């Protein structure tokens, strides 16, 4: 639903439509419905509160409230070219969100946790949705679906290096933007790549197997 991965260099200037969460933005986004609203607007384009409410399974009043809060915080804005006197359309101001400030997380621990939990829940939801649709996908796409995990034993520095390498590999491929979608080769579809780096501290080393 949303791109929330911090760039390893901490420099969001690589994408002019990125937003770095400050304290105000973090508090504004510390709600699962708002994270989903922003993600839907980025993924599907401008929409109304009524249409968003249908996708989210909430009433239109709730969707309208969260849109207004997001608008006040600068994450969404009215799409005046689409709106009319009876229906307001909204669009996302940014394409990606960056949250990579450990000091901010320490100053706003509750907001940081709420935001990160919301993002994690949305990633889990996206996985379940794909699983539910897997059997109806063309076989060529079913065979490309993958859920894998590897358990490594790394230092913090090695973990940073690994993340940078993964980021560089992903960066070589085509981002799903309106411009790229228009020029993508035939057969190209949206593919979600979700990464998790999950420290499990103080885990005992595995015992050596004896023959």
C-alpha atoms as a PDB file:
ATOM      1  CA  UNK A   1       0.000   0.000   0.000  1.00  0.00           C
ATOM      2  CA  UNK A   2       2.919   2.396   0.621  1.00  0.00           C
ATOM      3  CA  UNK A   3       6.637   2.672   0.100  1.00  0.00           C
ATOM      4  CA  UNK A   4       8.155   3.267   3.516  1.00  0.00           C
ATOM      5  CA  UNK A   5      11.687   1.948   3.160  1.00  0.00           C
ATOM      6  CA  UNK A   6      14.438   4.404   4.141  1.00  0.00           C
ATOM      7  CA  UNK A   7      17.224   4.853   1.633  1.00  0.00           C
ATOM      8  CA  UNK A   8      20.476   3.464   3.072  1.00  0.00           C
ATOM      9  CA  UNK A   9      22.312   6.720   2.460  1.00  0.00           C
ATOM     10  CA  UNK A  10      19.592   8.645   4.269  1.00  0.00           C
ATOM     11  CA  UNK A  11      19.303  10.874   1.201  1.00  0.00           C
ATOM     12  CA  UNK A  12      15.753  11.059  -0.165  1.00  0.00           C
ATOM     13  CA  UNK A  13      16.725  13.560  -2.870  1.00  0.00           C
ATOM     14  CA  UNK A  14      16.942  10.681  -5.338  1.00  0.00           C
ATOM     15  CA  UNK A  15      13.161  10.968  -5.610  1.00  0.00           C
ATOM     16  CA  UNK A  16      11.818  14.507  -5.831  1.00  0.00           C
ATOM     17  CA  UNK A  17       8.396  13.295  -4.726  1.00  0.00           C
ATOM     18  CA  UNK A  18       9.617  11.775  -1.474  1.00  0.00           C
ATOM     19  CA  UNK A  19       8.688  12.975   1.988  1.00  0.00           C
ATOM     20  CA  UNK A  20      10.794  12.512   5.121  1.00  0.00           C
ATOM     21  CA  UNK A  21       8.674  12.070   8.222  1.00  0.00           C
ATOM     22  CA  UNK A  22       9.275  14.717  10.865  1.00  0.00           C
ATOM     23  CA  UNK A  23       7.557  14.703  14.265  1.00  0.00           C
ATOM     24  CA  UNK A  24       4.349  16.259  12.904  1.00  0.00           C
ATOM     25  CA  UNK A  25       4.242  13.924   9.929  1.00  0.00           C
ATOM     26  CA  UNK A  26       4.963  10.877  12.043  1.00  0.00           C
ATOM     27  CA  UNK A  27       2.092  11.683  14.399  1.00  0.00           C
ATOM     28  CA  UNK A  28      -0.218  12.308  11.440  1.00  0.00           C
ATOM     29  CA  UNK A  29       0.655   8.943   9.893  1.00  0.00           C
ATOM     30  CA  UNK A  30       0.512   6.999  13.160  1.00  0.00           C
ATOM     31  CA  UNK A  31      -2.870   5.516  12.268  1.00  0.00           C
ATOM     32  CA  UNK A  32      -3.433   2.396  10.153  1.00  0.00           C
ATOM     33  CA  UNK A  33      -6.299   3.902   8.139  1.00  0.00           C
ATOM     34  CA  UNK A  34      -4.200   6.910   7.155  1.00  0.00           C
ATOM     35  CA  UNK A  35      -1.305   4.728   6.059  1.00  0.00           C
ATOM     36  CA  UNK A  36      -3.733   2.717   3.936  1.00  0.00           C
ATOM     37  CA  UNK A  37      -5.359   5.855   2.473  1.00  0.00           C
ATOM     38  CA  UNK A  38      -2.024   7.263   1.359  1.00  0.00           C
ATOM     39  CA  UNK A  39      -1.032   3.886  -0.061  1.00  0.00           C
ATOM     40  CA  UNK A  40      -4.255   3.531  -2.041  1.00  0.00           C
ATOM     41  CA  UNK A  41      -3.950   7.010  -3.527  1.00  0.00           C
ATOM     42  CA  UNK A  42      -0.380   6.276  -4.579  1.00  0.00           C
ATOM     43  CA  UNK A  43      -1.247   2.886  -6.019  1.00  0.00           C
ATOM     44  CA  UNK A  44      -4.534   3.643  -7.781  1.00  0.00           C
ATOM     45  CA  UNK A  45      -4.433   7.412  -8.269  1.00  0.00           C
ATOM     46  CA  UNK A  46      -6.901  10.123  -7.168  1.00  0.00           C
ATOM     47  CA  UNK A  47     -10.084   9.036  -5.440  1.00  0.00           C
ATOM     48  CA  UNK A  48     -13.000  10.210  -3.328  1.00  0.00           C
ATOM     49  CA  UNK A  49     -13.746   9.506   0.304  1.00  0.00           C
ATOM     50  CA  UNK A  50     -16.637   7.270  -0.748  1.00  0.00           C
ATOM     51  CA  UNK A  51     -14.497   5.119  -3.020  1.00  0.00           C
ATOM     52  CA  UNK A  52     -11.704   4.882  -0.473  1.00  0.00           C
ATOM     53  CA  UNK A  53     -14.208   3.923   2.218  1.00  0.00           C
ATOM     54  CA  UNK A  54     -15.436   1.033   0.064  1.00  0.00           C
ATOM     55  CA  UNK A  55     -11.902  -0.278  -0.414  1.00  0.00           C
ATOM     56  CA  UNK A  56     -11.088   0.067   3.282  1.00  0.00           C
ATOM     57  CA  UNK A  57     -14.354  -1.285   4.653  1.00  0.00           C
ATOM     58  CA  UNK A  58     -15.122   1.877   6.659  1.00  0.00           C
ATOM     59  CA  UNK A  59     -17.850   4.478   6.350  1.00  0.00           C
ATOM     60  CA  UNK A  60     -17.336   7.549   4.183  1.00  0.00           C
ATOM     61  CA  UNK A  61     -17.371   9.860   7.205  1.00  0.00           C
ATOM     62  CA  UNK A  62     -14.345   8.041   8.641  1.00  0.00           C
ATOM     63  CA  UNK A  63     -12.515   8.217   5.316  1.00  0.00           C
ATOM     64  CA  UNK A  64     -13.322  11.929   5.001  1.00  0.00           C
ATOM     65  CA  UNK A  65     -11.992  12.615   8.486  1.00  0.00           C
ATOM     66  CA  UNK A  66      -8.689  10.898   7.814  1.00  0.00           C
ATOM     67  CA  UNK A  67      -8.352  12.619   4.436  1.00  0.00           C
ATOM     68  CA  UNK A  68      -8.769  15.996   6.119  1.00  0.00           C
ATOM     69  CA  UNK A  69      -6.148  15.110   8.723  1.00  0.00           C
ATOM     70  CA  UNK A  70      -3.753  13.965   6.008  1.00  0.00           C
ATOM     71  CA  UNK A  71      -4.470  17.126   4.055  1.00  0.00           C
ATOM     72  CA  UNK A  72      -3.676  19.303   7.065  1.00  0.00           C
ATOM     73  CA  UNK A  73      -0.366  17.470   7.455  1.00  0.00           C
ATOM     74  CA  UNK A  74       0.515  17.875   3.764  1.00  0.00           C
ATOM     75  CA  UNK A  75       0.283  14.241   2.658  1.00  0.00           C
ATOM     76  CA  UNK A  76      -2.766  14.592   0.381  1.00  0.00           C
ATOM     77  CA  UNK A  77      -4.390  17.456  -1.479  1.00  0.00           C
ATOM     78  CA  UNK A  78      -7.594  18.078  -3.358  1.00  0.00           C
ATOM     79  CA  UNK A  79      -7.570  17.230  -7.044  1.00  0.00           C
ATOM     80  CA  UNK A  80      -9.456  20.307  -8.188  1.00  0.00           C
ATOM     81  CA  UNK A  81      -9.447  19.200 -11.828  1.00  0.00           C
ATOM     82  CA  UNK A  82     -11.657  16.242 -10.916  1.00  0.00           C
ATOM     83  CA  UNK A  83     -13.718  17.652  -8.084  1.00  0.00           C
ATOM     84  CA  UNK A  84     -17.119  19.253  -8.352  1.00  0.00           C
ATOM     85  CA  UNK A  85     -19.617  20.841  -6.016  1.00  0.00           C
ATOM     86  CA  UNK A  86     -20.904  17.484  -4.771  1.00  0.00           C
ATOM     87  CA  UNK A  87     -17.805  15.307  -4.729  1.00  0.00           C
ATOM     88  CA  UNK A  88     -14.249  16.042  -3.578  1.00  0.00           C
ATOM     89  CA  UNK A  89     -11.372  14.143  -5.135  1.00  0.00           C
ATOM     90  CA  UNK A  90      -8.052  13.678  -3.369  1.00  0.00           C
ATOM     91  CA  UNK A  91      -4.564  12.758  -4.548  1.00  0.00           C
ATOM     92  CA  UNK A  92      -1.295  11.914  -2.847  1.00  0.00           C
ATOM     93  CA  UNK A  93       1.278  14.696  -2.710  1.00  0.00           C
ATOM     94  CA  UNK A  94       4.232  12.306  -2.499  1.00  0.00           C
ATOM     95  CA  UNK A  95       5.250   9.051  -4.135  1.00  0.00           C
ATOM     96  CA  UNK A  96       7.326   7.603  -1.298  1.00  0.00           C
ATOM     97  CA  UNK A  97       7.710   8.039   2.461  1.00  0.00           C
ATOM     98  CA  UNK A  98      11.023   7.897   4.313  1.00  0.00           C
ATOM     99  CA  UNK A  99      11.342   7.202   8.020  1.00  0.00           C
ATOM    100  CA  UNK A 100      14.983   6.784   8.966  1.00  0.00           C
ATOM    101  CA  UNK A 101      15.540   9.008  12.008  1.00  0.00           C
ATOM    102  CA  UNK A 102      16.445   6.998  15.143  1.00  0.00           C
ATOM    103  CA  UNK A 103      16.418  10.150  17.273  1.00  0.00           C
ATOM    104  CA  UNK A 104      12.885  10.981  16.162  1.00  0.00           C
ATOM    105  CA  UNK A 105      11.817   7.421  16.989  1.00  0.00           C
ATOM    106  CA  UNK A 106      13.238   7.876  20.482  1.00  0.00           C
ATOM    107  CA  UNK A 107      11.480  11.231  20.951  1.00  0.00           C
ATOM    108  CA  UNK A 108       8.162   9.917  19.619  1.00  0.00           C
ATOM    109  CA  UNK A 109       8.214   6.230  20.612  1.00  0.00           C
ATOM    110  CA  UNK A 110       4.447   5.714  20.633  1.00  0.00           C
ATOM    111  CA  UNK A 111       3.909   7.381  17.254  1.00  0.00           C
ATOM    112  CA  UNK A 112       6.897   5.562  15.747  1.00  0.00           C
ATOM    113  CA  UNK A 113       5.659   2.191  16.978  1.00  0.00           C
ATOM    114  CA  UNK A 114       2.102   2.850  15.781  1.00  0.00           C
ATOM    115  CA  UNK A 115       3.326   3.884  12.343  1.00  0.00           C
ATOM    116  CA  UNK A 116       5.671   0.925  11.968  1.00  0.00           C
ATOM    117  CA  UNK A 117       3.019  -1.519  13.189  1.00  0.00           C
ATOM    118  CA  UNK A 118       0.583  -0.080  10.643  1.00  0.00           C
ATOM    119  CA  UNK A 119       3.100  -0.535   7.841  1.00  0.00           C
ATOM    120  CA  UNK A 120       3.864  -4.104   8.935  1.00  0.00           C
ATOM    121  CA  UNK A 121       0.143  -4.926   9.057  1.00  0.00           C
ATOM    122  CA  UNK A 122      -0.356  -3.567   5.550  1.00  0.00           C
ATOM    123  CA  UNK A 123       2.547  -5.631   4.226  1.00  0.00           C
ATOM    124  CA  UNK A 124       0.983  -8.726   5.782  1.00  0.00           C
ATOM    125  CA  UNK A 125      -2.376  -7.805   4.226  1.00  0.00           C
ATOM    126  CA  UNK A 126      -0.793  -7.444   0.795  1.00  0.00           C
ATOM    127  CA  UNK A 127       0.757 -10.898   1.142  1.00  0.00           C
ATOM    128  CA  UNK A 128      -2.584 -12.444   2.121  1.00  0.00           C
ATOM    129  CA  UNK A 129      -4.338 -10.737  -0.790  1.00  0.00           C
ATOM    130  CA  UNK A 130      -1.810 -12.127  -3.249  1.00  0.00           C
ATOM    131  CA  UNK A 131      -2.139 -15.606  -1.730  1.00  0.00           C
ATOM    132  CA  UNK A 132      -5.923 -15.418  -2.072  1.00  0.00           C
ATOM    133  CA  UNK A 133      -5.575 -14.515  -5.750  1.00  0.00           C
ATOM    134  CA  UNK A 134      -2.739 -16.907  -6.512  1.00  0.00           C
ATOM    135  CA  UNK A 135      -4.818 -19.770  -7.891  1.00  0.00           C
ATOM    136  CA  UNK A 136      -6.532 -17.511 -10.432  1.00  0.00           C
ATOM    137  CA  UNK A 137      -3.293 -15.964 -11.690  1.00  0.00           C
ATOM    138  CA  UNK A 138      -1.759 -17.095 -14.977  1.00  0.00           C
ATOM    139  CA  UNK A 139       0.689 -19.901 -14.364  1.00  0.00           C
ATOM    140  CA  UNK A 140       3.627 -17.791 -15.518  1.00  0.00           C
ATOM    141  CA  UNK A 141       2.999 -15.443 -12.569  1.00  0.00           C
ATOM    142  CA  UNK A 142       2.169 -18.191 -10.065  1.00  0.00           C
ATOM    143  CA  UNK A 143       5.592 -19.665 -10.748  1.00  0.00           C
ATOM    144  CA  UNK A 144       7.257 -16.334  -9.957  1.00  0.00           C
ATOM    145  CA  UNK A 145       5.574 -15.905  -6.578  1.00  0.00           C
ATOM    146  CA  UNK A 146       7.943 -16.484  -3.680  1.00  0.00           C
ATOM    147  CA  UNK A 147       7.957 -16.427   0.122  1.00  0.00           C
ATOM    148  CA  UNK A 148      11.426 -17.101   1.521  1.00  0.00           C
ATOM    149  CA  UNK A 149      13.506 -16.302   4.553  1.00  0.00           C
ATOM    150  CA  UNK A 150      17.163 -16.723   5.449  1.00  0.00           C
ATOM    151  CA  UNK A 151      18.594 -16.624   8.947  1.00  0.00           C
ATOM    152  CA  UNK A 152      21.994 -14.911   9.024  1.00  0.00           C
ATOM    153  CA  UNK A 153      24.391 -13.978  11.808  1.00  0.00           C
ATOM    154  CA  UNK A 154      25.669 -10.459  11.104  1.00  0.00           C
ATOM    155  CA  UNK A 155      27.166  -7.442  12.792  1.00  0.00           C
ATOM    156  CA  UNK A 156      25.316  -4.104  12.540  1.00  0.00           C
ATOM    157  CA  UNK A 157      27.846  -3.005   9.914  1.00  0.00           C
ATOM    158  CA  UNK A 158      27.331  -6.164   7.854  1.00  0.00           C
ATOM    159  CA  UNK A 159      23.572  -5.688   8.077  1.00  0.00           C
ATOM    160  CA  UNK A 160      23.914  -2.165   6.705  1.00  0.00           C
ATOM    161  CA  UNK A 161      26.106  -3.424   3.878  1.00  0.00           C
ATOM    162  CA  UNK A 162      23.578  -6.144   3.045  1.00  0.00           C
ATOM    163  CA  UNK A 163      20.756  -3.630   2.942  1.00  0.00           C
ATOM    164  CA  UNK A 164      22.726  -1.345   0.639  1.00  0.00           C
ATOM    165  CA  UNK A 165      23.437  -4.225  -1.724  1.00  0.00           C
ATOM    166  CA  UNK A 166      19.783  -5.290  -1.790  1.00  0.00           C
ATOM    167  CA  UNK A 167      18.726  -1.687  -2.411  1.00  0.00           C
ATOM    168  CA  UNK A 168      21.187  -1.348  -5.289  1.00  0.00           C
ATOM    169  CA  UNK A 169      19.867  -4.527  -6.932  1.00  0.00           C
ATOM    170  CA  UNK A 170      16.242  -3.385  -6.647  1.00  0.00           C
ATOM    171  CA  UNK A 171      17.224   0.051  -7.910  1.00  0.00           C
ATOM    172  CA  UNK A 172      18.348  -1.434 -11.211  1.00  0.00           C
ATOM    173  CA  UNK A 173      14.780  -2.412 -12.051  1.00  0.00           C
ATOM    174  CA  UNK A 174      11.841  -0.339 -13.284  1.00  0.00           C
ATOM    175  CA  UNK A 175       9.864   1.506 -10.620  1.00  0.00           C
ATOM    176  CA  UNK A 176       6.089   1.400 -10.988  1.00  0.00           C
ATOM    177  CA  UNK A 177       5.396   5.036 -11.828  1.00  0.00           C
ATOM    178  CA  UNK A 178       2.826   6.387 -14.301  1.00  0.00           C
ATOM    179  CA  UNK A 179       5.657   7.354 -16.642  1.00  0.00           C
ATOM    180  CA  UNK A 180       7.330   3.940 -16.512  1.00  0.00           C
ATOM    181  CA  UNK A 181       4.027   2.106 -16.799  1.00  0.00           C
ATOM    182  CA  UNK A 182       3.324   3.891 -20.073  1.00  0.00           C
ATOM    183  CA  UNK A 183       6.610   2.751 -21.619  1.00  0.00           C
ATOM    184  CA  UNK A 184       7.013  -0.671 -19.972  1.00  0.00           C
ATOM    185  CA  UNK A 185       7.346  -3.676 -22.286  1.00  0.00           C
ATOM    186  CA  UNK A 186       4.385  -5.919 -23.000  1.00  0.00           C
ATOM    187  CA  UNK A 187       3.651  -8.327 -20.165  1.00  0.00           C
ATOM    188  CA  UNK A 188       4.982  -6.067 -17.431  1.00  0.00           C
ATOM    189  CA  UNK A 189       2.820  -6.046 -14.288  1.00  0.00           C
ATOM    190  CA  UNK A 190       3.097  -4.549 -10.825  1.00  0.00           C
ATOM    191  CA  UNK A 191       5.373  -6.690  -8.629  1.00  0.00           C
ATOM    192  CA  UNK A 192       5.663  -5.895  -4.925  1.00  0.00           C
ATOM    193  CA  UNK A 193       9.071  -6.450  -3.331  1.00  0.00           C
ATOM    194  CA  UNK A 194       8.861  -6.258   0.461  1.00  0.00           C
ATOM    195  CA  UNK A 195      12.008  -6.571   2.555  1.00  0.00           C
ATOM    196  CA  UNK A 196      12.321  -7.203   6.281  1.00  0.00           C
ATOM    197  CA  UNK A 197      15.514  -6.940   8.298  1.00  0.00           C
ATOM    198  CA  UNK A 198      14.550  -8.344  11.700  1.00  0.00           C
ATOM    199  CA  UNK A 199      17.239  -8.368  14.405  1.00  0.00           C
ATOM    200  CA  UNK A 200      16.810 -11.246  16.855  1.00  0.00           C
ATOM    201  CA  UNK A 201      19.231 -10.286  19.594  1.00  0.00           C
ATOM    202  CA  UNK A 202      20.774 -12.668  22.107  1.00  0.00           C
ATOM    203  CA  UNK A 203      19.762 -15.731  20.105  1.00  0.00           C
ATOM    204  CA  UNK A 204      22.078 -18.643  20.968  1.00  0.00           C
ATOM    205  CA  UNK A 205      24.359 -19.850  18.211  1.00  0.00           C
ATOM    206  CA  UNK A 206      23.134 -23.055  16.531  1.00  0.00           C
ATOM    207  CA  UNK A 207      24.776 -26.195  17.812  1.00  0.00           C
ATOM    208  CA  UNK A 208      27.139 -27.992  15.486  1.00  0.00           C
ATOM    209  CA  UNK A 209      25.806 -31.184  14.015  1.00  0.00           C
ATOM    210  CA  UNK A 210      27.804 -34.297  14.830  1.00  0.00           C
ATOM    211  CA  UNK A 211      28.115 -37.047  12.220  1.00  0.00           C
END
